[in-house]
Amino acid sequence: MLKAMLLHVMSCNVFYFEIHFLLINELLMALNILV
């Protein structure tokens, strides 16, 4: 039970990290185009 919860939390964290990484990547590319 606890193990399943930990796995769920970890997968959610990875998911959010991936989204933030992609967003930051997009912003950096947009800045590079502007500069």
C-alpha atoms as a PDB file:
ATOM      1  CA  MET A   1       0.000   0.000   0.000  1.00  0.00           C
ATOM      2  CA  LEU A   2       2.651   2.504   1.077  1.00  0.00           C
ATOM      3  CA  LYS A   3       4.917   1.357  -1.736  1.00  0.00           C
ATOM      4  CA  ALA A   4       2.164   1.989  -4.289  1.00  0.00           C
ATOM      5  CA  MET A   5       1.594   5.479  -2.887  1.00  0.00           C
ATOM      6  CA  LEU A   6       5.318   6.270  -3.060  1.00  0.00           C
ATOM      7  CA  LEU A   7       5.488   5.045  -6.653  1.00  0.00           C
ATOM      8  CA  HIS A   8       2.467   7.176  -7.543  1.00  0.00           C
ATOM      9  CA  VAL A   9       3.971  10.290  -5.934  1.00  0.00           C
ATOM     10  CA  MET A  10       7.318   9.684  -7.628  1.00  0.00           C
ATOM     11  CA  SER A  11       5.737   9.226 -11.063  1.00  0.00           C
ATOM     12  CA  CYS A  12       3.711  12.417 -10.565  1.00  0.00           C
ATOM     13  CA  ASN A  13       6.859  14.329  -9.608  1.00  0.00           C
ATOM     14  CA  VAL A  14       8.661  13.054 -12.713  1.00  0.00           C
ATOM     15  CA  PHE A  15       5.640  14.050 -14.813  1.00  0.00           C
ATOM     16  CA  TYR A  16       5.633  17.606 -13.420  1.00  0.00           C
ATOM     17  CA  PHE A  17       9.401  17.853 -13.795  1.00  0.00           C
ATOM     18  CA  GLU A  18       9.118  16.836 -17.456  1.00  0.00           C
ATOM     19  CA  ILE A  19       6.454  19.484 -18.115  1.00  0.00           C
ATOM     20  CA  HIS A  20       8.451  22.218 -16.380  1.00  0.00           C
ATOM     21  CA  PHE A  21      11.597  21.187 -18.236  1.00  0.00           C
ATOM     22  CA  LEU A  22       9.761  21.397 -21.570  1.00  0.00           C
ATOM     23  CA  LEU A  23       8.258  24.790 -20.698  1.00  0.00           C
ATOM     24  CA  ILE A  24      11.637  26.207 -19.664  1.00  0.00           C
ATOM     25  CA  ASN A  25      13.166  24.780 -22.844  1.00  0.00           C
ATOM     26  CA  GLU A  26      10.484  26.520 -24.935  1.00  0.00           C
ATOM     27  CA  LEU A  27      11.101  29.817 -23.124  1.00  0.00           C
ATOM     28  CA  LEU A  28      14.856  29.593 -23.656  1.00  0.00           C
ATOM     29  CA  MET A  29      14.378  28.884 -27.354  1.00  0.00           C
ATOM     30  CA  ALA A  30      11.976  31.828 -27.656  1.00  0.00           C
ATOM     31  CA  LEU A  31      14.545  34.069 -25.936  1.00  0.00           C
ATOM     32  CA  ASN A  32      17.273  32.846 -28.280  1.00  0.00           C
ATOM     33  CA  ILE A  33      15.107  33.722 -31.281  1.00  0.00           C
ATOM     34  CA  LEU A  34      14.438  37.202 -29.858  1.00  0.00           C
ATOM     35  CA  VAL A  35      18.135  37.755 -29.121  1.00  0.00           C
END
